[in-house]
Amino acid sequence: MAKPIEPTPTLRGKDAIRFIQNMIKEERNPDPKRIARLNRADKIRIEESSDLDLSA
């Protein structure tokens, strides 16, 4: 039997500040490798969905 999923712990103090700083940094200057990976995933998803025969 699988273990139940535990909730994510709440960030406090220095961890919370570091998390927010990282989020702001990523928002201002997104990682090009991450953006490229997301674009490839979107392209694959679109190609796969267009291969489906929806006329059935």
PDB file of N, CA and C in Angstrom:
ATOM      1  N   MET A   1       0.845  -1.168   0.000  1.00  0.00           N
ATOM      2  CA  MET A   1       0.000   0.000   0.000  1.00  0.00           C
ATOM      3  C   MET A   1       0.899   1.242   0.000  1.00  0.00           C
ATOM      4  N   ALA A   2       0.511   2.237  -0.760  1.00  0.00           N
ATOM      5  CA  ALA A   2       1.300   3.465  -0.873  1.00  0.00           C
ATOM      6  C   ALA A   2       1.150   4.329   0.371  1.00  0.00           C
ATOM      7  N   LYS A   3       2.184   5.057   0.664  1.00  0.00           N
ATOM      8  CA  LYS A   3       2.137   5.986   1.789  1.00  0.00           C
ATOM      9  C   LYS A   3       1.322   7.219   1.399  1.00  0.00           C
ATOM     10  N   PRO A   4       0.614   7.812   2.342  1.00  0.00           N
ATOM     11  CA  PRO A   4      -0.133   9.025   2.018  1.00  0.00           C
ATOM     12  C   PRO A   4       0.829  10.178   1.720  1.00  0.00           C
ATOM     13  N   ILE A   5       0.396  11.081   0.881  1.00  0.00           N
ATOM     14  CA  ILE A   5       1.205  12.241   0.537  1.00  0.00           C
ATOM     15  C   ILE A   5       1.119  13.253   1.663  1.00  0.00           C
ATOM     16  N   GLU A   6       2.264  13.655   2.150  1.00  0.00           N
ATOM     17  CA  GLU A   6       2.332  14.623   3.239  1.00  0.00           C
ATOM     18  C   GLU A   6       2.299  16.038   2.664  1.00  0.00           C
ATOM     19  N   PRO A   7       1.711  16.971   3.377  1.00  0.00           N
ATOM     20  CA  PRO A   7       1.708  18.351   2.896  1.00  0.00           C
ATOM     21  C   PRO A   7       3.120  18.938   2.913  1.00  0.00           C
ATOM     22  N   THR A   8       3.367  19.880   2.007  1.00  0.00           N
ATOM     23  CA  THR A   8       4.652  20.553   1.955  1.00  0.00           C
ATOM     24  C   THR A   8       4.808  21.425   3.194  1.00  0.00           C
ATOM     25  N   PRO A   9       5.932  21.340   3.861  1.00  0.00           N
ATOM     26  CA  PRO A   9       6.113  22.166   5.056  1.00  0.00           C
ATOM     27  C   PRO A   9       6.125  23.657   4.711  1.00  0.00           C
ATOM     28  N   THR A  10       5.659  24.469   5.638  1.00  0.00           N
ATOM     29  CA  THR A  10       5.651  25.914   5.461  1.00  0.00           C
ATOM     30  C   THR A  10       7.065  26.448   5.638  1.00  0.00           C
ATOM     31  N   LEU A  11       7.489  27.293   4.712  1.00  0.00           N
ATOM     32  CA  LEU A  11       8.811  27.905   4.821  1.00  0.00           C
ATOM     33  C   LEU A  11       8.749  29.078   5.787  1.00  0.00           C
ATOM     34  N   ARG A  12       9.773  29.178   6.597  1.00  0.00           N
ATOM     35  CA  ARG A  12       9.840  30.260   7.578  1.00  0.00           C
ATOM     36  C   ARG A  12      11.262  30.811   7.616  1.00  0.00           C
ATOM     37  N   GLY A  13      11.388  32.050   8.046  1.00  0.00           N
ATOM     38  CA  GLY A  13      12.699  32.659   8.274  1.00  0.00           C
ATOM     39  C   GLY A  13      13.545  32.763   7.028  1.00  0.00           C
ATOM     40  N   LYS A  14      14.810  32.344   7.151  1.00  0.00           N
ATOM     41  CA  LYS A  14      15.777  32.472   6.053  1.00  0.00           C
ATOM     42  C   LYS A  14      15.366  31.646   4.835  1.00  0.00           C
ATOM     43  N   ASP A  15      14.759  30.494   5.065  1.00  0.00           N
ATOM     44  CA  ASP A  15      14.311  29.661   3.944  1.00  0.00           C
ATOM     45  C   ASP A  15      13.248  30.385   3.121  1.00  0.00           C
ATOM     46  N   ALA A  16      12.318  31.042   3.789  1.00  0.00           N
ATOM     47  CA  ALA A  16      11.255  31.772   3.098  1.00  0.00           C
ATOM     48  C   ALA A  16      11.832  32.949   2.322  1.00  0.00           C
ATOM     49  N   ILE A  17      12.759  33.660   2.926  1.00  0.00           N
ATOM     50  CA  ILE A  17      13.382  34.808   2.255  1.00  0.00           C
ATOM     51  C   ILE A  17      14.155  34.345   1.025  1.00  0.00           C
ATOM     52  N   ARG A  18      14.918  33.262   1.161  1.00  0.00           N
ATOM     53  CA  ARG A  18      15.687  32.729   0.025  1.00  0.00           C
ATOM     54  C   ARG A  18      14.757  32.272  -1.093  1.00  0.00           C
ATOM     55  N   PHE A  19      13.648  31.636  -0.751  1.00  0.00           N
ATOM     56  CA  PHE A  19      12.689  31.183  -1.748  1.00  0.00           C
ATOM     57  C   PHE A  19      12.120  32.376  -2.523  1.00  0.00           C
ATOM     58  N   ILE A  20      11.730  33.419  -1.816  1.00  0.00           N
ATOM     59  CA  ILE A  20      11.162  34.600  -2.470  1.00  0.00           C
ATOM     60  C   ILE A  20      12.208  35.275  -3.360  1.00  0.00           C
ATOM     61  N   GLN A  21      13.441  35.376  -2.875  1.00  0.00           N
ATOM     62  CA  GLN A  21      14.506  35.977  -3.684  1.00  0.00           C
ATOM     63  C   GLN A  21      14.736  35.176  -4.965  1.00  0.00           C
ATOM     64  N   ASN A  22      14.712  33.854  -4.860  1.00  0.00           N
ATOM     65  CA  ASN A  22      14.885  33.014  -6.050  1.00  0.00           C
ATOM     66  C   ASN A  22      13.722  33.177  -7.027  1.00  0.00           C
ATOM     67  N   MET A  23      12.518  33.304  -6.501  1.00  0.00           N
ATOM     68  CA  MET A  23      11.347  33.499  -7.370  1.00  0.00           C
ATOM     69  C   MET A  23      11.432  34.833  -8.106  1.00  0.00           C
ATOM     70  N   ILE A  24      11.831  35.887  -7.406  1.00  0.00           N
ATOM     71  CA  ILE A  24      11.972  37.207  -8.044  1.00  0.00           C
ATOM     72  C   ILE A  24      13.068  37.175  -9.102  1.00  0.00           C
ATOM     73  N   LYS A  25      14.188  36.538  -8.785  1.00  0.00           N
ATOM     74  CA  LYS A  25      15.302  36.428  -9.738  1.00  0.00           C
ATOM     75  C   LYS A  25      14.853  35.690 -11.000  1.00  0.00           C
ATOM     76  N   GLU A  26      14.143  34.587 -10.834  1.00  0.00           N
ATOM     77  CA  GLU A  26      13.676  33.800 -11.978  1.00  0.00           C
ATOM     78  C   GLU A  26      12.649  34.580 -12.796  1.00  0.00           C
ATOM     79  N   GLU A  27      11.817  35.342 -12.125  1.00  0.00           N
ATOM     80  CA  GLU A  27      10.805  36.127 -12.828  1.00  0.00           C
ATOM     81  C   GLU A  27      11.453  37.218 -13.679  1.00  0.00           C
ATOM     82  N   ARG A  28      12.488  37.851 -13.149  1.00  0.00           N
ATOM     83  CA  ARG A  28      13.174  38.931 -13.877  1.00  0.00           C
ATOM     84  C   ARG A  28      14.075  38.411 -14.979  1.00  0.00           C
ATOM     85  N   ASN A  29      14.704  37.267 -14.751  1.00  0.00           N
ATOM     86  CA  ASN A  29      15.673  36.726 -15.698  1.00  0.00           C
ATOM     87  C   ASN A  29      15.500  35.214 -15.785  1.00  0.00           C
ATOM     88  N   PRO A  30      14.525  34.737 -16.578  1.00  0.00           N
ATOM     89  CA  PRO A  30      14.260  33.296 -16.650  1.00  0.00           C
ATOM     90  C   PRO A  30      15.461  32.515 -17.202  1.00  0.00           C
ATOM     91  N   ASP A  31      15.633  31.326 -16.693  1.00  0.00           N
ATOM     92  CA  ASP A  31      16.715  30.449 -17.127  1.00  0.00           C
ATOM     93  C   ASP A  31      16.451  30.000 -18.567  1.00  0.00           C
ATOM     94  N   PRO A  32      17.352  30.304 -19.502  1.00  0.00           N
ATOM     95  CA  PRO A  32      17.130  29.935 -20.906  1.00  0.00           C
ATOM     96  C   PRO A  32      16.984  28.427 -21.125  1.00  0.00           C
ATOM     97  N   LYS A  33      17.704  27.626 -20.344  1.00  0.00           N
ATOM     98  CA  LYS A  33      17.596  26.173 -20.497  1.00  0.00           C
ATOM     99  C   LYS A  33      16.199  25.691 -20.088  1.00  0.00           C
ATOM    100  N   ARG A  34      15.651  26.270 -19.017  1.00  0.00           N
ATOM    101  CA  ARG A  34      14.314  25.883 -18.568  1.00  0.00           C
ATOM    102  C   ARG A  34      13.267  26.291 -19.599  1.00  0.00           C
ATOM    103  N   ILE A  35      13.399  27.479 -20.158  1.00  0.00           N
ATOM    104  CA  ILE A  35      12.463  27.959 -21.169  1.00  0.00           C
ATOM    105  C   ILE A  35      12.527  27.068 -22.413  1.00  0.00           C
ATOM    106  N   ALA A  36      13.736  26.709 -22.838  1.00  0.00           N
ATOM    107  CA  ALA A  36      13.894  25.834 -24.005  1.00  0.00           C
ATOM    108  C   ALA A  36      13.252  24.471 -23.754  1.00  0.00           C
ATOM    109  N   ARG A  37      13.433  23.936 -22.550  1.00  0.00           N
ATOM    110  CA  ARG A  37      12.835  22.634 -22.208  1.00  0.00           C
ATOM    111  C   ARG A  37      11.312  22.708 -22.238  1.00  0.00           C
ATOM    112  N   LEU A  38      10.749  23.797 -21.710  1.00  0.00           N
ATOM    113  CA  LEU A  38       9.297  23.962 -21.743  1.00  0.00           C
ATOM    114  C   LEU A  38       8.782  24.092 -23.168  1.00  0.00           C
ATOM    115  N   ASN A  39       9.501  24.817 -24.005  1.00  0.00           N
ATOM    116  CA  ASN A  39       9.095  24.965 -25.408  1.00  0.00           C
ATOM    117  C   ASN A  39       9.135  23.632 -26.140  1.00  0.00           C
ATOM    118  N   ARG A  40      10.169  22.822 -25.870  1.00  0.00           N
ATOM    119  CA  ARG A  40      10.235  21.486 -26.499  1.00  0.00           C
ATOM    120  C   ARG A  40       9.072  20.620 -26.041  1.00  0.00           C
ATOM    121  N   ALA A  41       8.747  20.678 -24.757  1.00  0.00           N
ATOM    122  CA  ALA A  41       7.636  19.878 -24.238  1.00  0.00           C
ATOM    123  C   ALA A  41       6.320  20.304 -24.867  1.00  0.00           C
ATOM    124  N   ASP A  42       6.116  21.612 -25.027  1.00  0.00           N
ATOM    125  CA  ASP A  42       4.897  22.099 -25.685  1.00  0.00           C
ATOM    126  C   ASP A  42       4.822  21.614 -27.125  1.00  0.00           C
ATOM    127  N   LYS A  43       5.946  21.669 -27.827  1.00  0.00           N
ATOM    128  CA  LYS A  43       5.980  21.237 -29.225  1.00  0.00           C
ATOM    129  C   LYS A  43       5.625  19.746 -29.335  1.00  0.00           C
ATOM    130  N   ILE A  44       6.188  18.924 -28.463  1.00  0.00           N
ATOM    131  CA  ILE A  44       5.903  17.493 -28.477  1.00  0.00           C
ATOM    132  C   ILE A  44       4.427  17.243 -28.168  1.00  0.00           C
ATOM    133  N   ARG A  45       3.904  17.962 -27.170  1.00  0.00           N
ATOM    134  CA  ARG A  45       2.499  17.791 -26.786  1.00  0.00           C
ATOM    135  C   ARG A  45       1.571  18.167 -27.942  1.00  0.00           C
ATOM    136  N   ILE A  46       1.877  19.247 -28.635  1.00  0.00           N
ATOM    137  CA  ILE A  46       1.051  19.683 -29.767  1.00  0.00           C
ATOM    138  C   ILE A  46       1.135  18.677 -30.899  1.00  0.00           C
ATOM    139  N   GLU A  47       2.340  18.172 -31.180  1.00  0.00           N
ATOM    140  CA  GLU A  47       2.505  17.175 -32.243  1.00  0.00           C
ATOM    141  C   GLU A  47       1.724  15.904 -31.918  1.00  0.00           C
ATOM    142  N   GLU A  48       1.791  15.447 -30.671  1.00  0.00           N
ATOM    143  CA  GLU A  48       1.084  14.230 -30.285  1.00  0.00           C
ATOM    144  C   GLU A  48      -0.423  14.408 -30.337  1.00  0.00           C
ATOM    145  N   SER A  49      -0.897  15.576 -29.936  1.00  0.00           N
ATOM    146  CA  SER A  49      -2.350  15.791 -29.960  1.00  0.00           C
ATOM    147  C   SER A  49      -2.859  15.918 -31.393  1.00  0.00           C
ATOM    148  N   SER A  50      -2.029  16.413 -32.313  1.00  0.00           N
ATOM    149  CA  SER A  50      -2.478  16.520 -33.710  1.00  0.00           C
ATOM    150  C   SER A  50      -2.453  15.153 -34.401  1.00  0.00           C
ATOM    151  N   ASP A  51      -1.709  14.189 -33.843  1.00  0.00           N
ATOM    152  CA  ASP A  51      -1.662  12.842 -34.402  1.00  0.00           C
ATOM    153  C   ASP A  51      -2.911  12.025 -34.039  1.00  0.00           C
ATOM    154  N   LEU A  52      -3.675  12.470 -33.065  1.00  0.00           N
ATOM    155  CA  LEU A  52      -4.856  11.746 -32.642  1.00  0.00           C
ATOM    156  C   LEU A  52      -5.946  11.844 -33.706  1.00  0.00           C
ATOM    157  N   ASP A  53      -6.647  10.754 -33.924  1.00  0.00           N
ATOM    158  CA  ASP A  53      -7.761  10.760 -34.879  1.00  0.00           C
ATOM    159  C   ASP A  53      -9.036  11.053 -34.094  1.00  0.00           C
ATOM    160  N   LEU A  54      -9.524  12.273 -34.207  1.00  0.00           N
ATOM    161  CA  LEU A  54     -10.696  12.679 -33.449  1.00  0.00           C
ATOM    162  C   LEU A  54     -11.993  12.468 -34.217  1.00  0.00           C
ATOM    163  N   SER A  55     -11.922  11.883 -35.400  1.00  0.00           N
ATOM    164  CA  SER A  55     -13.120  11.697 -36.214  1.00  0.00           C
ATOM    165  C   SER A  55     -13.896  10.437 -35.839  1.00  0.00           C
ATOM    166  N   ALA A  56     -13.346   9.611 -34.984  1.00  0.00           N
ATOM    167  CA  ALA A  56     -13.975   8.333 -34.649  1.00  0.00           C
ATOM    168  C   ALA A  56     -15.172   8.485 -33.764  1.00  0.00           C
TER     169      ALA A  56
END
